[in-house]
Each structure stands twice: as structure tokens, then as C-alpha cells.
Amino acid sequence: MLKVRDILPGLEVWVTFPEATVLEASRLMAEHQVGALPVVNEYGQLIGIVTERDILYQVVARERDPRQTSVADIMTRDVEVVDLDDSSLQALYKMSVRRCRHLPVVHDNQVVGILSIRDILWAELRRQQATAAQEASSAETHVWVCMQCDFRLTAWMPPDECPQCGASHSFRFSLA
């Protein structure tokens, strides 16, 4: 099982402050191509999160001025978090229950990253590809010989029909 520490895309985490305007937060998100920003106090402690959806639903859809609206006005305050030692399954469960796509990673009371559902899916896909490649390279293969035409084939299982002469179920196992 993957741990959050194995999945985090990098060590940089972009944060914003509650006094920042939504326009400033949006520009920071666009500049760094992130979909959410942890909101921290002056001590770097997490106090909220602002996401693309918050901006869309609470500012754009309500025709509020992003230059006059503060992050504190729209941020989610009751934030679900994960620790570096939590598993990817724990993170996915929290995302499912809270119906969110981003979780701040908090360790020793400090924000050390933000985990997205995309990060988890990519990490899991890479893990499964590595496992499949390892299994394929260590899979036991055999040499099969057609009893009709002596055609040799290296495979895990013999084919139903010889590709050379067309004989059905004519392969036998060979040691060499």
C-alpha cells in the first residue's frame, strides 16, 4: 500500500493567507497550475483551504468582485487532512466521504504538501505498471514444439493451433 509520503508530487507547497484577495489566490493557483491552496495563519498552521470550486461557486456564480472578496470569505474552514504516514486508501476514503479532490498534508502541525486525487491515481497506475512489468519478466516461460512440423514456440502456454502448419493441439513441452 502506498503512503502519502510516496505520492506527494514535490516538496514545494503553495499557500495563501486569509487576508489575500480571491484574485491574488486565483493568480497564484494559475501561475503554479494547482487546483487548491491551503490557507495558513502567520505561524504556518492550517486554518482553511480555498479551491477552484470555491472561487467558481462563491465568487463567479454570485458575481462577487474577486478584488474585493477575501480568501477568508470563501475558504472551507473545517478541513480534512492527511499525514505523511497515512495510506493512499485512507486519503481516498477521506476524499470520498468529504466529496473533495484535494487534501492538505499536515505533519507536526505544519502544512508540508497538498495531495490531489490525480496524484493518487497516477501513483497507483505507476505502481500497477511496475508490478505488471515485474510479473511479466519473472513469469515462467516454456518451449513448446509442434509434433506435426517441429515448429518451436516460447510461451507460457501453448497455442491451440500451430501458426506454421495449422495442426490443432499438437504442441508438446520441450526442455530445450
C-alpha atoms as a PDB file:
ATOM      1  CA  MET A   1       0.000   0.000   0.000  1.00  0.00           C
ATOM      2  CA  LEU A   2       1.334   3.426  -0.960  1.00  0.00           C
ATOM      3  CA  LYS A   3       1.894   6.045   1.726  1.00  0.00           C
ATOM      4  CA  VAL A   4       1.153   9.733   1.244  1.00  0.00           C
ATOM      5  CA  ARG A   5       4.898  10.462   1.522  1.00  0.00           C
ATOM      6  CA  ASP A   6       5.455   8.218  -1.539  1.00  0.00           C
ATOM      7  CA  ILE A   7       2.844  10.051  -3.586  1.00  0.00           C
ATOM      8  CA  LEU A   8       3.461  13.750  -2.944  1.00  0.00           C
ATOM      9  CA  PRO A   9       4.435  15.316  -6.253  1.00  0.00           C
ATOM     10  CA  GLY A  10       7.137  17.534  -4.741  1.00  0.00           C
ATOM     11  CA  LEU A  11       8.358  19.311  -1.672  1.00  0.00           C
ATOM     12  CA  GLU A  12       7.001  22.720  -2.680  1.00  0.00           C
ATOM     13  CA  VAL A  13       3.621  23.713  -1.384  1.00  0.00           C
ATOM     14  CA  TRP A  14       1.953  26.966  -2.310  1.00  0.00           C
ATOM     15  CA  VAL A  15      -0.173  28.563   0.406  1.00  0.00           C
ATOM     16  CA  THR A  16      -2.227  31.683   0.821  1.00  0.00           C
ATOM     17  CA  PHE A  17      -3.383  33.768   3.754  1.00  0.00           C
ATOM     18  CA  PRO A  18      -6.928  34.644   4.837  1.00  0.00           C
ATOM     19  CA  GLU A  19      -6.335  38.360   4.131  1.00  0.00           C
ATOM     20  CA  ALA A  20      -5.398  37.705   0.492  1.00  0.00           C
ATOM     21  CA  THR A  21      -7.947  38.576  -2.154  1.00  0.00           C
ATOM     22  CA  VAL A  22      -9.552  35.895  -4.271  1.00  0.00           C
ATOM     23  CA  LEU A  23      -7.885  37.490  -7.288  1.00  0.00           C
ATOM     24  CA  GLU A  24      -4.442  37.068  -5.688  1.00  0.00           C
ATOM     25  CA  ALA A  25      -5.197  33.454  -4.766  1.00  0.00           C
ATOM     26  CA  SER A  26      -6.518  32.745  -8.274  1.00  0.00           C
ATOM     27  CA  ARG A  27      -3.389  34.162  -9.855  1.00  0.00           C
ATOM     28  CA  LEU A  28      -1.198  32.058  -7.567  1.00  0.00           C
ATOM     29  CA  MET A  29      -3.198  28.943  -8.487  1.00  0.00           C
ATOM     30  CA  ALA A  30      -2.930  29.722 -12.202  1.00  0.00           C
ATOM     31  CA  GLU A  31       0.800  30.502 -12.011  1.00  0.00           C
ATOM     32  CA  HIS A  32       1.589  27.191 -10.321  1.00  0.00           C
ATOM     33  CA  GLN A  33      -1.171  25.186 -12.030  1.00  0.00           C
ATOM     34  CA  VAL A  34      -2.776  23.957  -8.807  1.00  0.00           C
ATOM     35  CA  GLY A  35      -6.452  23.482  -8.042  1.00  0.00           C
ATOM     36  CA  ALA A  36      -6.348  24.318  -4.346  1.00  0.00           C
ATOM     37  CA  LEU A  37      -4.358  26.332  -1.838  1.00  0.00           C
ATOM     38  CA  PRO A  38      -4.055  25.668   1.873  1.00  0.00           C
ATOM     39  CA  VAL A  39      -4.846  28.789   3.873  1.00  0.00           C
ATOM     40  CA  VAL A  40      -2.437  29.307   6.755  1.00  0.00           C
ATOM     41  CA  ASN A  41      -2.091  31.736   9.644  1.00  0.00           C
ATOM     42  CA  GLU A  42       1.031  33.758  10.447  1.00  0.00           C
ATOM     43  CA  TYR A  43       2.565  30.675  12.132  1.00  0.00           C
ATOM     44  CA  GLY A  44       2.122  28.487   9.056  1.00  0.00           C
ATOM     45  CA  GLN A  45      -0.676  26.475  10.651  1.00  0.00           C
ATOM     46  CA  LEU A  46      -3.573  25.345   8.510  1.00  0.00           C
ATOM     47  CA  ILE A  47      -6.813  27.268   9.046  1.00  0.00           C
ATOM     48  CA  GLY A  48      -8.621  26.501   5.785  1.00  0.00           C
ATOM     49  CA  ILE A  49      -8.454  25.651   2.102  1.00  0.00           C
ATOM     50  CA  VAL A  50      -9.567  27.526  -0.994  1.00  0.00           C
ATOM     51  CA  THR A  51     -10.293  25.615  -4.195  1.00  0.00           C
ATOM     52  CA  GLU A  52     -11.253  26.280  -7.794  1.00  0.00           C
ATOM     53  CA  ARG A  53     -14.790  25.263  -6.902  1.00  0.00           C
ATOM     54  CA  ASP A  54     -14.928  27.753  -4.020  1.00  0.00           C
ATOM     55  CA  ILE A  55     -13.959  30.530  -6.411  1.00  0.00           C
ATOM     56  CA  LEU A  56     -16.386  29.386  -9.091  1.00  0.00           C
ATOM     57  CA  TYR A  57     -19.387  28.810  -6.818  1.00  0.00           C
ATOM     58  CA  GLN A  58     -18.897  31.569  -4.255  1.00  0.00           C
ATOM     59  CA  VAL A  59     -17.398  34.358  -6.350  1.00  0.00           C
ATOM     60  CA  VAL A  60     -18.036  33.922 -10.074  1.00  0.00           C
ATOM     61  CA  ALA A  61     -21.547  32.441  -9.823  1.00  0.00           C
ATOM     62  CA  ARG A  62     -22.584  35.093  -7.290  1.00  0.00           C
ATOM     63  CA  GLU A  63     -20.982  37.899  -9.319  1.00  0.00           C
ATOM     64  CA  ARG A  64     -18.762  38.982  -6.421  1.00  0.00           C
ATOM     65  CA  ASP A  65     -15.702  41.115  -7.113  1.00  0.00           C
ATOM     66  CA  PRO A  66     -12.565  38.933  -6.732  1.00  0.00           C
ATOM     67  CA  ARG A  67     -10.522  42.073  -5.966  1.00  0.00           C
ATOM     68  CA  GLN A  68     -12.775  42.890  -3.020  1.00  0.00           C
ATOM     69  CA  THR A  69     -13.510  39.377  -1.738  1.00  0.00           C
ATOM     70  CA  SER A  70     -11.012  37.906   0.703  1.00  0.00           C
ATOM     71  CA  VAL A  71      -9.951  34.287   0.841  1.00  0.00           C
ATOM     72  CA  ALA A  72     -11.339  34.174   4.395  1.00  0.00           C
ATOM     73  CA  ASP A  73     -14.803  34.959   2.997  1.00  0.00           C
ATOM     74  CA  ILE A  74     -14.930  31.847   0.819  1.00  0.00           C
ATOM     75  CA  MET A  75     -12.471  29.291   2.241  1.00  0.00           C
ATOM     76  CA  THR A  76     -13.517  25.987   3.743  1.00  0.00           C
ATOM     77  CA  ARG A  77     -12.640  26.112   7.433  1.00  0.00           C
ATOM     78  CA  ASP A  78     -13.390  22.549   8.514  1.00  0.00           C
ATOM     79  CA  VAL A  79     -10.575  20.935   6.545  1.00  0.00           C
ATOM     80  CA  GLU A  80      -9.900  17.216   6.303  1.00  0.00           C
ATOM     81  CA  VAL A  81      -6.162  16.496   6.297  1.00  0.00           C
ATOM     82  CA  VAL A  82      -3.781  13.575   5.875  1.00  0.00           C
ATOM     83  CA  ASP A  83      -0.387  12.854   7.397  1.00  0.00           C
ATOM     84  CA  LEU A  84       2.715  11.696   5.540  1.00  0.00           C
ATOM     85  CA  ASP A  85       2.309   8.215   7.043  1.00  0.00           C
ATOM     86  CA  ASP A  86      -1.345   7.788   6.040  1.00  0.00           C
ATOM     87  CA  SER A  87      -2.038   5.326   3.235  1.00  0.00           C
ATOM     88  CA  SER A  88      -3.390   6.241  -0.174  1.00  0.00           C
ATOM     89  CA  LEU A  89      -6.520   4.266   0.718  1.00  0.00           C
ATOM     90  CA  GLN A  90      -7.077   6.421   3.827  1.00  0.00           C
ATOM     91  CA  ALA A  91      -6.680   9.545   1.697  1.00  0.00           C
ATOM     92  CA  LEU A  92      -9.136   8.276  -0.930  1.00  0.00           C
ATOM     93  CA  TYR A  93     -11.631   7.373   1.778  1.00  0.00           C
ATOM     94  CA  LYS A  94     -11.429  10.874   3.263  1.00  0.00           C
ATOM     95  CA  MET A  95     -11.837  12.409  -0.194  1.00  0.00           C
ATOM     96  CA  SER A  96     -14.871  10.227  -0.885  1.00  0.00           C
ATOM     97  CA  VAL A  97     -16.577  10.991   2.418  1.00  0.00           C
ATOM     98  CA  ARG A  98     -15.937  14.743   2.147  1.00  0.00           C
ATOM     99  CA  ARG A  99     -16.535  14.824  -1.628  1.00  0.00           C
ATOM    100  CA  CYS A 100     -13.327  16.740  -2.228  1.00  0.00           C
ATOM    101  CA  ARG A 101     -10.397  16.393  -4.608  1.00  0.00           C
ATOM    102  CA  HIS A 102      -7.603  17.924  -2.505  1.00  0.00           C
ATOM    103  CA  LEU A 103      -6.285  17.211   0.987  1.00  0.00           C
ATOM    104  CA  PRO A 104      -3.630  19.245   2.752  1.00  0.00           C
ATOM    105  CA  VAL A 105      -0.801  17.127   4.126  1.00  0.00           C
ATOM    106  CA  VAL A 106      -0.033  18.177   7.682  1.00  0.00           C
ATOM    107  CA  HIS A 107       2.924  16.860   9.660  1.00  0.00           C
ATOM    108  CA  ASP A 108       3.969  18.145  13.080  1.00  0.00           C
ATOM    109  CA  ASN A 109       1.214  20.785  12.853  1.00  0.00           C
ATOM    110  CA  GLN A 110       2.700  22.275   9.644  1.00  0.00           C
ATOM    111  CA  VAL A 111       1.431  22.105   6.066  1.00  0.00           C
ATOM    112  CA  VAL A 112       4.011  20.115   4.109  1.00  0.00           C
ATOM    113  CA  GLY A 113       2.065  19.497   0.908  1.00  0.00           C
ATOM    114  CA  ILE A 114      -1.271  19.078  -0.771  1.00  0.00           C
ATOM    115  CA  LEU A 115      -2.465  15.797  -2.221  1.00  0.00           C
ATOM    116  CA  SER A 116      -4.880  15.602  -5.126  1.00  0.00           C
ATOM    117  CA  ILE A 117      -6.939  12.671  -6.289  1.00  0.00           C
ATOM    118  CA  ARG A 118      -4.974  12.867  -9.556  1.00  0.00           C
ATOM    119  CA  ASP A 119      -1.703  12.403  -7.621  1.00  0.00           C
ATOM    120  CA  ILE A 120      -3.083   9.244  -6.025  1.00  0.00           C
ATOM    121  CA  LEU A 121      -4.396   7.832  -9.303  1.00  0.00           C
ATOM    122  CA  TRP A 122      -1.092   8.446 -11.131  1.00  0.00           C
ATOM    123  CA  ALA A 123       0.928   6.891  -8.307  1.00  0.00           C
ATOM    124  CA  GLU A 124      -1.336   3.842  -8.228  1.00  0.00           C
ATOM    125  CA  LEU A 125      -1.146   3.493 -12.014  1.00  0.00           C
ATOM    126  CA  ARG A 126       2.674   3.634 -11.895  1.00  0.00           C
ATOM    127  CA  ARG A 127       2.690   1.040  -9.090  1.00  0.00           C
ATOM    128  CA  GLN A 128       0.445  -1.312 -11.037  1.00  0.00           C
ATOM    129  CA  GLN A 129       2.516  -0.898 -14.215  1.00  0.00           C
ATOM    130  CA  ALA A 130       5.719  -1.680 -12.295  1.00  0.00           C
ATOM    131  CA  THR A 131       4.097  -4.750 -10.723  1.00  0.00           C
ATOM    132  CA  ALA A 132       2.858  -5.982 -14.103  1.00  0.00           C
ATOM    133  CA  ALA A 133       6.290  -5.478 -15.673  1.00  0.00           C
ATOM    134  CA  GLN A 134       7.955  -7.336 -12.810  1.00  0.00           C
ATOM    135  CA  GLU A 135       5.485 -10.216 -13.061  1.00  0.00           C
ATOM    136  CA  ALA A 136       5.948 -10.416 -16.824  1.00  0.00           C
ATOM    137  CA  SER A 137       9.726 -10.531 -16.546  1.00  0.00           C
ATOM    138  CA  SER A 138       9.660 -13.217 -13.879  1.00  0.00           C
ATOM    139  CA  ALA A 139       6.872 -15.258 -15.456  1.00  0.00           C
ATOM    140  CA  GLU A 140       7.885 -18.802 -16.235  1.00  0.00           C
ATOM    141  CA  THR A 141       8.029 -19.460 -19.962  1.00  0.00           C
ATOM    142  CA  HIS A 142       8.356 -22.799 -21.723  1.00  0.00           C
ATOM    143  CA  VAL A 143       9.471 -24.081 -25.095  1.00  0.00           C
ATOM    144  CA  TRP A 144       6.695 -25.848 -26.963  1.00  0.00           C
ATOM    145  CA  VAL A 145       7.287 -27.986 -30.073  1.00  0.00           C
ATOM    146  CA  CYS A 146       4.671 -28.886 -32.666  1.00  0.00           C
ATOM    147  CA  MET A 147       4.538 -32.658 -33.046  1.00  0.00           C
ATOM    148  CA  GLN A 148       3.483 -32.286 -36.716  1.00  0.00           C
ATOM    149  CA  CYS A 149       6.100 -29.880 -38.121  1.00  0.00           C
ATOM    150  CA  ASP A 150       8.677 -29.314 -35.336  1.00  0.00           C
ATOM    151  CA  PHE A 151       7.814 -25.603 -35.093  1.00  0.00           C
ATOM    152  CA  ARG A 152       9.224 -24.178 -31.816  1.00  0.00           C
ATOM    153  CA  LEU A 153       7.471 -21.575 -29.716  1.00  0.00           C
ATOM    154  CA  THR A 154       8.480 -19.965 -26.412  1.00  0.00           C
ATOM    155  CA  ALA A 155       5.420 -19.106 -24.350  1.00  0.00           C
ATOM    156  CA  TRP A 156       3.782 -19.607 -21.006  1.00  0.00           C
ATOM    157  CA  MET A 157       1.061 -21.785 -22.582  1.00  0.00           C
ATOM    158  CA  PRO A 158       0.941 -23.484 -25.984  1.00  0.00           C
ATOM    159  CA  PRO A 159      -1.433 -22.109 -28.629  1.00  0.00           C
ATOM    160  CA  ASP A 160      -4.497 -24.104 -29.640  1.00  0.00           C
ATOM    161  CA  GLU A 161      -3.250 -24.213 -33.222  1.00  0.00           C
ATOM    162  CA  CYS A 162       0.249 -24.291 -34.743  1.00  0.00           C
ATOM    163  CA  PRO A 163       0.907 -20.996 -36.562  1.00  0.00           C
ATOM    164  CA  GLN A 164       3.078 -22.814 -39.122  1.00  0.00           C
ATOM    165  CA  CYS A 165       1.147 -25.962 -40.099  1.00  0.00           C
ATOM    166  CA  GLY A 166      -2.276 -25.317 -38.536  1.00  0.00           C
ATOM    167  CA  ALA A 167      -2.342 -28.549 -36.506  1.00  0.00           C
ATOM    168  CA  SER A 168      -4.702 -28.377 -33.542  1.00  0.00           C
ATOM    169  CA  HIS A 169      -3.457 -29.104 -30.034  1.00  0.00           C
ATOM    170  CA  SER A 170      -0.244 -30.599 -31.366  1.00  0.00           C
ATOM    171  CA  PHE A 171       2.291 -28.992 -29.058  1.00  0.00           C
ATOM    172  CA  ARG A 172       4.406 -30.822 -26.546  1.00  0.00           C
ATOM    173  CA  PHE A 173       6.613 -29.415 -23.833  1.00  0.00           C
ATOM    174  CA  SER A 174      10.352 -29.348 -24.522  1.00  0.00           C
ATOM    175  CA  LEU A 175      13.184 -28.844 -22.056  1.00  0.00           C
ATOM    176  CA  ALA A 176      15.401 -27.081 -24.611  1.00  0.00           C
END
